[in-house]
Structures are given as structure tokens and as C-alpha cells.
PDB file of all heavy atoms in Angstrom:
ATOM      1  N   CYS A   1      86.608  86.595  84.755  1.00  0.00           N
ATOM      2  CA  CYS A   1      87.774  85.978  84.122  1.00  0.00           C
ATOM      3  C   CYS A   1      88.857  85.636  85.137  1.00  0.00           C
ATOM      4  O   CYS A   1      89.692  84.768  84.889  1.00  0.00           O
ATOM      5  CB  CYS A   1      88.331  86.898  83.037  1.00  0.00           C
ATOM      6  SG  CYS A   1      88.898  88.496  83.627  1.00  0.00           S
ATOM      7  N   CYS A   2      88.859  86.300  86.287  1.00  0.00           N
ATOM      8  CA  CYS A   2      89.757  85.927  87.381  1.00  0.00           C
ATOM      9  C   CYS A   2      89.192  86.509  88.677  1.00  0.00           C
ATOM     10  O   CYS A   2      88.352  87.418  88.634  1.00  0.00           O
ATOM     11  CB  CYS A   2      91.186  86.415  87.137  1.00  0.00           C
ATOM     12  SG  CYS A   2      91.355  88.182  86.936  1.00  0.00           S
ATOM     13  N   PRO A   3      89.607  85.994  89.831  1.00  0.00           N
ATOM     14  CA  PRO A   3      89.040  86.475  91.102  1.00  0.00           C
ATOM     15  C   PRO A   3      89.290  87.965  91.295  1.00  0.00           C
ATOM     16  O   PRO A   3      90.332  88.495  90.912  1.00  0.00           O
ATOM     17  CB  PRO A   3      89.789  85.636  92.149  1.00  0.00           C
ATOM     18  CG  PRO A   3      90.232  84.410  91.418  1.00  0.00           C
ATOM     19  CD  PRO A   3      90.536  84.862  90.024  1.00  0.00           C
ATOM     20  N   SER A   4      88.328  88.623  91.910  1.00  0.00           N
ATOM     21  CA  SER A   4      88.463  90.060  92.155  1.00  0.00           C
ATOM     22  C   SER A   4      89.243  90.317  93.438  1.00  0.00           C
ATOM     23  O   SER A   4      89.527  89.407  94.213  1.00  0.00           O
ATOM     24  CB  SER A   4      87.075  90.707  92.253  1.00  0.00           C
ATOM     25  OG  SER A   4      86.336  90.138  93.309  1.00  0.00           O
ATOM     26  N   LEU A   5      89.590  91.555  93.635  1.00  0.00           N
ATOM     27  CA  LEU A   5      90.351  91.976  94.813  1.00  0.00           C
ATOM     28  C   LEU A   5      89.600  91.614  96.084  1.00  0.00           C
ATOM     29  O   LEU A   5      88.394  91.817  96.191  1.00  0.00           O
ATOM     30  CB  LEU A   5      90.552  93.499  94.751  1.00  0.00           C
ATOM     31  CG  LEU A   5      91.199  94.177  95.952  1.00  0.00           C
ATOM     32  CD1 LEU A   5      92.677  93.809  96.033  1.00  0.00           C
ATOM     33  CD2 LEU A   5      91.041  95.693  95.844  1.00  0.00           C
ATOM     34  N   ASN A   6      90.306  91.110  97.062  1.00  0.00           N
ATOM     35  CA  ASN A   6      89.704  90.740  98.338  1.00  0.00           C
ATOM     36  C   ASN A   6      90.465  91.419  99.489  1.00  0.00           C
ATOM     37  O   ASN A   6      91.410  90.858 100.016  1.00  0.00           O
ATOM     38  CB  ASN A   6      89.727  89.224  98.526  1.00  0.00           C
ATOM     39  CG  ASN A   6      88.959  88.779  99.747  1.00  0.00           C
ATOM     40  OD1 ASN A   6      88.075  89.467 100.210  1.00  0.00           O
ATOM     41  ND2 ASN A   6      89.306  87.607 100.280  1.00  0.00           N
ATOM     42  N   ASN A   7      89.990  92.610  99.864  1.00  0.00           N
ATOM     43  CA  ASN A   7      89.030  93.418  99.159  1.00  0.00           C
ATOM     44  C   ASN A   7      89.425  94.895  99.227  1.00  0.00           C
ATOM     45  O   ASN A   7      88.667  95.769  98.835  1.00  0.00           O
ATOM     46  CB  ASN A   7      87.623  93.224  99.746  1.00  0.00           C
ATOM     47  CG  ASN A   7      87.609  93.401 101.274  1.00  0.00           C
ATOM     48  OD1 ASN A   7      88.391  94.141 101.882  1.00  0.00           O
ATOM     49  ND2 ASN A   7      86.701  92.708 101.901  1.00  0.00           N
ATOM     50  N   TYR A   8      90.643  95.181  99.751  1.00  0.00           N
ATOM     51  CA  TYR A   8      91.098  96.563  99.953  1.00  0.00           C
ATOM     52  C   TYR A   8      92.589  96.647  99.610  1.00  0.00           C
ATOM     53  O   TYR A   8      93.379  95.794 100.009  1.00  0.00           O
ATOM     54  CB  TYR A   8      90.879  96.959 101.412  1.00  0.00           C
ATOM     55  CG  TYR A   8      91.072  98.419 101.716  1.00  0.00           C
ATOM     56  CD1 TYR A   8      89.992  99.292 101.748  1.00  0.00           C
ATOM     57  CD2 TYR A   8      92.335  98.943 101.983  1.00  0.00           C
ATOM     58  CE1 TYR A   8      90.153 100.640 102.036  1.00  0.00           C
ATOM     59  CE2 TYR A   8      92.508 100.288 102.266  1.00  0.00           C
ATOM     60  CZ  TYR A   8      91.419 101.134 102.300  1.00  0.00           C
ATOM     61  OH  TYR A   8      91.586 102.464 102.577  1.00  0.00           O
ATOM     62  N   VAL A   9      92.944  97.678  98.850  1.00  0.00           N
ATOM     63  CA  VAL A   9      94.345  97.872  98.493  1.00  0.00           C
ATOM     64  C   VAL A   9      94.726  99.317  98.758  1.00  0.00           C
ATOM     65  O   VAL A   9      93.939 100.237  98.510  1.00  0.00           O
ATOM     66  CB  VAL A   9      94.609  97.508  97.015  1.00  0.00           C
ATOM     67  CG1 VAL A   9      93.791  98.380  96.071  1.00  0.00           C
ATOM     68  CG2 VAL A   9      96.103  97.609  96.684  1.00  0.00           C
ATOM     69  N   VAL A  10      95.924  99.520  99.303  1.00  0.00           N
ATOM     70  CA  VAL A  10      96.447 100.873  99.516  1.00  0.00           C
ATOM     71  C   VAL A  10      97.652 101.073  98.607  1.00  0.00           C
ATOM     72  O   VAL A  10      98.375 100.128  98.275  1.00  0.00           O
ATOM     73  CB  VAL A  10      96.849 101.111 100.984  1.00  0.00           C
ATOM     74  CG1 VAL A  10      95.641 101.094 101.881  1.00  0.00           C
ATOM     75  CG2 VAL A  10      97.877 100.077 101.447  1.00  0.00           C
ATOM     76  N   PHE A  11      97.858 102.316  98.196  1.00  0.00           N
ATOM     77  CA  PHE A  11      98.943 102.673  97.288  1.00  0.00           C
ATOM     78  C   PHE A  11      99.602 103.949  97.802  1.00  0.00           C
ATOM     79  O   PHE A  11      98.915 104.893  98.195  1.00  0.00           O
ATOM     80  CB  PHE A  11      98.391 102.890  95.871  1.00  0.00           C
ATOM     81  CG  PHE A  11      99.388 103.484  94.911  1.00  0.00           C
ATOM     82  CD1 PHE A  11     100.319 102.691  94.271  1.00  0.00           C
ATOM     83  CD2 PHE A  11      99.392 104.849  94.648  1.00  0.00           C
ATOM     84  CE1 PHE A  11     101.234 103.241  93.394  1.00  0.00           C
ATOM     85  CE2 PHE A  11     100.292 105.409  93.775  1.00  0.00           C
ATOM     86  CZ  PHE A  11     101.223 104.602  93.141  1.00  0.00           C
ATOM     87  N   ASN A  12     100.941 103.957  97.810  1.00  0.00           N
ATOM     88  CA  ASN A  12     101.662 105.126  98.293  1.00  0.00           C
ATOM     89  C   ASN A  12     102.974 105.247  97.530  1.00  0.00           C
ATOM     90  O   ASN A  12     103.801 104.329  97.538  1.00  0.00           O
ATOM     91  CB  ASN A  12     101.940 104.977  99.803  1.00  0.00           C
ATOM     92  CG  ASN A  12     102.518 106.240 100.413  1.00  0.00           C
ATOM     93  OD1 ASN A  12     103.090 107.079  99.718  1.00  0.00           O
ATOM     94  ND2 ASN A  12     102.385 106.387 101.722  1.00  0.00           N
ATOM     95  N   ASP A  13     103.159 106.370  96.835  1.00  0.00           N
ATOM     96  CA  ASP A  13     104.441 106.593  96.169  1.00  0.00           C
ATOM     97  C   ASP A  13     105.029 107.953  96.562  1.00  0.00           C
ATOM     98  O   ASP A  13     105.712 108.608  95.792  1.00  0.00           O
ATOM     99  CB  ASP A  13     104.302 106.487  94.644  1.00  0.00           C
ATOM    100  CG  ASP A  13     103.430 107.581  94.039  1.00  0.00           C
ATOM    101  OD1 ASP A  13     102.670 108.210  94.791  1.00  0.00           O
ATOM    102  OD2 ASP A  13     103.510 107.785  92.819  1.00  0.00           O
ATOM    103  N   ALA A  14     104.745 108.359  97.824  1.00  0.00           N
ATOM    104  CA  ALA A  14     105.319 109.605  98.327  1.00  0.00           C
ATOM    105  C   ALA A  14     106.826 109.455  98.515  1.00  0.00           C
ATOM    106  O   ALA A  14     107.607 110.355  98.173  1.00  0.00           O
ATOM    107  CB  ALA A  14     104.653 109.993  99.648  1.00  0.00           C
ATOM    108  N   ASP A  15     107.251 108.320  99.050  1.00  0.00           N
ATOM    109  CA  ASP A  15     108.678 107.994  99.212  1.00  0.00           C
ATOM    110  C   ASP A  15     108.885 106.573  98.705  1.00  0.00           C
ATOM    111  O   ASP A  15     108.606 105.613  99.406  1.00  0.00           O
ATOM    112  CB  ASP A  15     109.102 108.093 100.684  1.00  0.00           C
ATOM    113  CG  ASP A  15     108.986 109.499 101.223  1.00  0.00           C
ATOM    114  OD1 ASP A  15     109.668 110.380 100.692  1.00  0.00           O
ATOM    115  OD2 ASP A  15     108.200 109.712 102.172  1.00  0.00           O
ATOM    116  N   GLY A  16     109.364 106.441  97.489  1.00  0.00           N
ATOM    117  CA  GLY A  16     109.451 105.117  96.894  1.00  0.00           C
ATOM    118  C   GLY A  16     108.074 104.679  96.446  1.00  0.00           C
ATOM    119  O   GLY A  16     107.186 105.488  96.199  1.00  0.00           O
ATOM    120  N   LEU A  17     107.868 103.372  96.374  1.00  0.00           N
ATOM    121  CA  LEU A  17     106.598 102.818  95.925  1.00  0.00           C
ATOM    122  C   LEU A  17     106.174 101.705  96.862  1.00  0.00           C
ATOM    123  O   LEU A  17     106.948 100.786  97.148  1.00  0.00           O
ATOM    124  CB  LEU A  17     106.721 102.279  94.493  1.00  0.00           C
ATOM    125  CG  LEU A  17     105.460 101.684  93.870  1.00  0.00           C
ATOM    126  CD1 LEU A  17     104.387 102.740  93.744  1.00  0.00           C
ATOM    127  CD2 LEU A  17     105.771 101.084  92.510  1.00  0.00           C
ATOM    128  N   TYR A  18     104.947 101.816  97.360  1.00  0.00           N
ATOM    129  CA  TYR A  18     104.463 100.830  98.327  1.00  0.00           C
ATOM    130  C   TYR A  18     103.004 100.507  98.042  1.00  0.00           C
ATOM    131  O   TYR A  18     102.179 101.409  97.849  1.00  0.00           O
ATOM    132  CB  TYR A  18     104.592 101.372  99.753  1.00  0.00           C
ATOM    133  CG  TYR A  18     103.966 100.492 100.813  1.00  0.00           C
ATOM    134  CD1 TYR A  18     104.616  99.348 101.259  1.00  0.00           C
ATOM    135  CD2 TYR A  18     102.717 100.799 101.354  1.00  0.00           C
ATOM    136  CE1 TYR A  18     104.045  98.529 102.223  1.00  0.00           C
ATOM    137  CE2 TYR A  18     102.134  99.988 102.321  1.00  0.00           C
ATOM    138  CZ  TYR A  18     102.815  98.856 102.755  1.00  0.00           C
ATOM    139  OH  TYR A  18     102.255  98.039 103.702  1.00  0.00           O
ATOM    140  N   THR A  19     102.666  99.233  97.997  1.00  0.00           N
ATOM    141  CA  THR A  19     101.275  98.794  97.901  1.00  0.00           C
ATOM    142  C   THR A  19     101.044  97.655  98.881  1.00  0.00           C
ATOM    143  O   THR A  19     101.973  96.898  99.206  1.00  0.00           O
ATOM    144  CB  THR A  19     100.906  98.298  96.485  1.00  0.00           C
ATOM    145  OG1 THR A  19     101.727  97.179  96.149  1.00  0.00           O
ATOM    146  CG2 THR A  19     101.094  99.403  95.466  1.00  0.00           C
ATOM    147  N   TYR A  20      99.827  97.537  99.337  1.00  0.00           N
ATOM    148  CA  TYR A  20      99.496  96.475 100.283  1.00  0.00           C
ATOM    149  C   TYR A  20      98.025  96.133 100.138  1.00  0.00           C
ATOM    150  O   TYR A  20      97.175  97.015 100.034  1.00  0.00           O
ATOM    151  CB  TYR A  20      99.791  96.918 101.719  1.00  0.00           C
ATOM    152  CG  TYR A  20      99.469  95.876 102.771  1.00  0.00           C
ATOM    153  CD1 TYR A  20     100.207  94.696 102.846  1.00  0.00           C
ATOM    154  CD2 TYR A  20      98.426  96.072 103.669  1.00  0.00           C
ATOM    155  CE1 TYR A  20      99.916  93.745 103.802  1.00  0.00           C
ATOM    156  CE2 TYR A  20      98.124  95.121 104.630  1.00  0.00           C
ATOM    157  CZ  TYR A  20      98.873  93.947 104.693  1.00  0.00           C
ATOM    158  OH  TYR A  20      98.588  92.998 105.633  1.00  0.00           O
ATOM    159  N   THR A  21      97.726  94.848 100.109  1.00  0.00           N
ATOM    160  CA  THR A  21      96.352  94.376  99.976  1.00  0.00           C
ATOM    161  C   THR A  21      95.957  93.594 101.226  1.00  0.00           C
ATOM    162  O   THR A  21      96.744  92.791 101.728  1.00  0.00           O
ATOM    163  CB  THR A  21      96.204  93.460  98.743  1.00  0.00           C
ATOM    164  OG1 THR A  21      96.618  94.168  97.585  1.00  0.00           O
ATOM    165  CG2 THR A  21      94.754  93.034  98.567  1.00  0.00           C
ATOM    166  N   PHE A  22      94.767  93.860 101.722  1.00  0.00           N
ATOM    167  CA  PHE A  22      94.285  93.089 102.865  1.00  0.00           C
ATOM    168  C   PHE A  22      92.764  92.962 102.785  1.00  0.00           C
ATOM    169  O   PHE A  22      92.100  93.693 102.038  1.00  0.00           O
ATOM    170  CB  PHE A  22      94.696  93.730 104.196  1.00  0.00           C
ATOM    171  CG  PHE A  22      94.067  95.067 104.463  1.00  0.00           C
ATOM    172  CD1 PHE A  22      92.901  95.170 105.200  1.00  0.00           C
ATOM    173  CD2 PHE A  22      94.654  96.237 103.991  1.00  0.00           C
ATOM    174  CE1 PHE A  22      92.313  96.399 105.449  1.00  0.00           C
ATOM    175  CE2 PHE A  22      94.082  97.475 104.242  1.00  0.00           C
ATOM    176  CZ  PHE A  22      92.912  97.552 104.978  1.00  0.00           C
ATOM    177  N   GLU A  23      92.222  92.045 103.572  1.00  0.00           N
ATOM    178  CA  GLU A  23      90.782  91.824 103.590  1.00  0.00           C
ATOM    179  C   GLU A  23      90.163  92.580 104.756  1.00  0.00           C
ATOM    180  O   GLU A  23      90.400  92.252 105.923  1.00  0.00           O
ATOM    181  CB  GLU A  23      90.454  90.337 103.722  1.00  0.00           C
ATOM    182  CG  GLU A  23      88.952  90.056 103.713  1.00  0.00           C
ATOM    183  CD  GLU A  23      88.633  88.572 103.821  1.00  0.00           C
ATOM    184  OE1 GLU A  23      89.565  87.755 103.886  1.00  0.00           O
ATOM    185  OE2 GLU A  23      87.419  88.236 103.844  1.00  0.00           O
ATOM    186  N   ALA A  24      89.402  93.596 104.452  1.00  0.00           N
ATOM    187  CA  ALA A  24      88.677  94.331 105.482  1.00  0.00           C
ATOM    188  C   ALA A  24      87.501  93.485 105.959  1.00  0.00           C
ATOM    189  O   ALA A  24      86.776  92.903 105.150  1.00  0.00           O
ATOM    190  CB  ALA A  24      88.178  95.669 104.929  1.00  0.00           C
ATOM    191  N   SER A  25      87.311  93.405 107.246  1.00  0.00           N
ATOM    192  CA  SER A  25      86.283  92.524 107.817  1.00  0.00           C
ATOM    193  C   SER A  25      84.962  93.251 108.023  1.00  0.00           C
ATOM    194  O   SER A  25      84.935  94.461 108.266  1.00  0.00           O
ATOM    195  CB  SER A  25      86.763  91.973 109.167  1.00  0.00           C
ATOM    196  OG  SER A  25      87.968  91.257 109.013  1.00  0.00           O
ATOM    197  N   ARG A  26      83.889  92.506 107.925  1.00  0.00           N
ATOM    198  CA  ARG A  26      82.568  93.062 108.198  1.00  0.00           C
ATOM    199  C   ARG A  26      82.405  93.285 109.703  1.00  0.00           C
ATOM    200  O   ARG A  26      82.927  92.530 110.521  1.00  0.00           O
ATOM    201  CB  ARG A  26      81.472  92.117 107.716  1.00  0.00           C
ATOM    202  CG  ARG A  26      81.373  91.949 106.232  1.00  0.00           C
ATOM    203  CD  ARG A  26      80.163  91.117 105.843  1.00  0.00           C
ATOM    204  NE  ARG A  26      78.907  91.816 106.124  1.00  0.00           N
ATOM    205  CZ  ARG A  26      77.698  91.303 105.880  1.00  0.00           C
ATOM    206  NH1 ARG A  26      77.600  90.083 105.368  1.00  0.00           N
ATOM    207  NH2 ARG A  26      76.611  91.987 106.145  1.00  0.00           N
ATOM    208  N   LYS A  27      81.660  94.320 110.044  1.00  0.00           N
ATOM    209  CA  LYS A  27      81.338  94.572 111.442  1.00  0.00           C
ATOM    210  C   LYS A  27      79.979  93.963 111.745  1.00  0.00           C
ATOM    211  O   LYS A  27      79.008  94.181 111.016  1.00  0.00           O
ATOM    212  CB  LYS A  27      81.300  96.084 111.721  1.00  0.00           C
ATOM    213  CG  LYS A  27      82.658  96.744 111.730  1.00  0.00           C
ATOM    214  CD  LYS A  27      82.533  98.220 112.061  1.00  0.00           C
ATOM    215  CE  LYS A  27      82.019  98.413 113.470  1.00  0.00           C
ATOM    216  NZ  LYS A  27      82.009  99.848 113.865  1.00  0.00           N
ATOM    217  N   GLU A  28      79.923  93.175 112.798  1.00  0.00           N
ATOM    218  CA  GLU A  28      78.666  92.513 113.143  1.00  0.00           C
ATOM    219  C   GLU A  28      77.567  93.512 113.480  1.00  0.00           C
ATOM    220  O   GLU A  28      76.388  93.229 113.283  1.00  0.00           O
ATOM    221  CB  GLU A  28      78.894  91.562 114.316  1.00  0.00           C
ATOM    222  CG  GLU A  28      79.790  90.364 113.969  1.00  0.00           C
ATOM    223  CD  GLU A  28      79.927  89.406 115.122  1.00  0.00           C
ATOM    224  OE1 GLU A  28      79.310  89.682 116.179  1.00  0.00           O
ATOM    225  OE2 GLU A  28      80.621  88.386 114.987  1.00  0.00           O
ATOM    226  N   ASP A  29      77.972  94.680 113.999  1.00  0.00           N
ATOM    227  CA  ASP A  29      76.971  95.679 114.374  1.00  0.00           C
ATOM    228  C   ASP A  29      76.989  96.886 113.437  1.00  0.00           C
ATOM    229  O   ASP A  29      76.625  97.994 113.837  1.00  0.00           O
ATOM    230  CB  ASP A  29      77.193  96.137 115.818  1.00  0.00           C
ATOM    231  CG  ASP A  29      78.569  96.767 116.024  1.00  0.00           C
ATOM    232  OD1 ASP A  29      79.432  96.595 115.130  1.00  0.00           O
ATOM    233  OD2 ASP A  29      78.776  97.429 117.059  1.00  0.00           O
ATOM    234  N   CYS A  30      77.406  96.675 112.188  1.00  0.00           N
ATOM    235  CA  CYS A  30      77.453  97.776 111.226  1.00  0.00           C
ATOM    236  C   CYS A  30      76.069  98.398 111.076  1.00  0.00           C
ATOM    237  O   CYS A  30      75.064  97.698 110.933  1.00  0.00           O
ATOM    238  CB  CYS A  30      77.951  97.287 109.868  1.00  0.00           C
ATOM    239  SG  CYS A  30      77.897  98.545 108.564  1.00  0.00           S
ATOM    240  N   LEU A  31      76.027  99.717 111.085  1.00  0.00           N
ATOM    241  CA  LEU A  31      74.759 100.427 110.997  1.00  0.00           C
ATOM    242  C   LEU A  31      74.025 100.152 109.692  1.00  0.00           C
ATOM    243  O   LEU A  31      72.801 100.140 109.643  1.00  0.00           O
ATOM    244  CB  LEU A  31      75.004 101.937 111.105  1.00  0.00           C
ATOM    245  CG  LEU A  31      75.113 102.525 112.514  1.00  0.00           C
ATOM    246  CD1 LEU A  31      75.537 103.973 112.426  1.00  0.00           C
ATOM    247  CD2 LEU A  31      73.797 102.400 113.244  1.00  0.00           C
ATOM    248  N   VAL A  32      74.775  99.931 108.621  1.00  0.00           N
ATOM    249  CA  VAL A  32      74.182  99.825 107.291  1.00  0.00           C
ATOM    250  C   VAL A  32      73.886  98.388 106.899  1.00  0.00           C
ATOM    251  O   VAL A  32      72.799  98.073 106.423  1.00  0.00           O
ATOM    252  CB  VAL A  32      75.095 100.492 106.243  1.00  0.00           C
ATOM    253  CG1 VAL A  32      74.581 100.237 104.823  1.00  0.00           C
ATOM    254  CG2 VAL A  32      75.180 101.991 106.507  1.00  0.00           C
ATOM    255  N   CYS A  33      74.847  97.485 107.068  1.00  0.00           N
ATOM    256  CA  CYS A  33      74.693  96.143 106.485  1.00  0.00           C
ATOM    257  C   CYS A  33      74.457  95.019 107.488  1.00  0.00           C
ATOM    258  O   CYS A  33      74.335  93.866 107.089  1.00  0.00           O
ATOM    259  CB  CYS A  33      75.913  95.805 105.624  1.00  0.00           C
ATOM    260  SG  CYS A  33      77.452  95.541 106.544  1.00  0.00           S
ATOM    261  N   SER A  34      74.372  95.325 108.792  1.00  0.00           N
ATOM    262  CA  SER A  34      74.208  94.242 109.764  1.00  0.00           C
ATOM    263  C   SER A  34      72.753  93.863 109.993  1.00  0.00           C
ATOM    264  O   SER A  34      72.459  92.825 110.563  1.00  0.00           O
ATOM    265  CB  SER A  34      74.829  94.637 111.102  1.00  0.00           C
ATOM    266  OG  SER A  34      74.095  95.685 111.705  1.00  0.00           O
ATOM    267  N   GLN A  35      71.822  94.755 109.596  1.00  0.00           N
ATOM    268  CA  GLN A  35      70.382  94.523 109.771  1.00  0.00           C
ATOM    269  C   GLN A  35      69.987  94.389 111.249  1.00  0.00           C
ATOM    270  O   GLN A  35      69.049  93.695 111.603  1.00  0.00           O
ATOM    271  CB  GLN A  35      69.920  93.276 109.026  1.00  0.00           C
ATOM    272  CG  GLN A  35      70.009  93.402 107.520  1.00  0.00           C
ATOM    273  CD  GLN A  35      69.373  92.231 106.820  1.00  0.00           C
ATOM    274  OE1 GLN A  35      69.654  91.077 107.117  1.00  0.00           O
ATOM    275  NE2 GLN A  35      68.483  92.512 105.888  1.00  0.00           N
ATOM    276  N   MET A  36      70.747  95.037 112.131  1.00  0.00           N
ATOM    277  CA  MET A  36      70.389  95.030 113.548  1.00  0.00           C
ATOM    278  C   MET A  36      70.670  96.414 114.126  1.00  0.00           C
ATOM    279  O   MET A  36      71.613  97.093 113.723  1.00  0.00           O
ATOM    280  CB  MET A  36      71.184  93.958 114.308  1.00  0.00           C
ATOM    281  CG  MET A  36      72.689  94.121 114.239  1.00  0.00           C
ATOM    282  SD  MET A  36      73.584  92.785 115.058  1.00  0.00           S
ATOM    283  CE  MET A  36      73.060  93.040 116.746  1.00  0.00           C
ATOM    284  N   PRO A  37      69.818  96.888 115.043  1.00  0.00           N
ATOM    285  CA  PRO A  37      70.009  98.228 115.590  1.00  0.00           C
ATOM    286  C   PRO A  37      71.256  98.313 116.456  1.00  0.00           C
ATOM    287  O   PRO A  37      71.614  97.358 117.147  1.00  0.00           O
ATOM    288  CB  PRO A  37      68.739  98.463 116.411  1.00  0.00           C
ATOM    289  CG  PRO A  37      68.252  97.091 116.761  1.00  0.00           C
ATOM    290  CD  PRO A  37      68.640  96.221 115.600  1.00  0.00           C
TER     291      PRO A  37
END
């Protein structure tokens, strides 16, 4: 129904209220999802 989060959000209300959204990048040599040793 609408675009999903892209793709990471942090939330902090220890002192006031703070949120921030950013796009975490893929790692080219990621052990799990890169398909390369």
C-alpha cells in the first residue's frame, strides 16, 4: 500500500526524542549474501 522503510531506523528517547532513518549498504564481500568466499 506504500513503500517500505529503506531500510534502517534508529529511535532514542533517553534525552528528548530522536529518530533517524538511513539506507544501510550491502557489503560486496558479505559472508552470507555476497556468494563469494
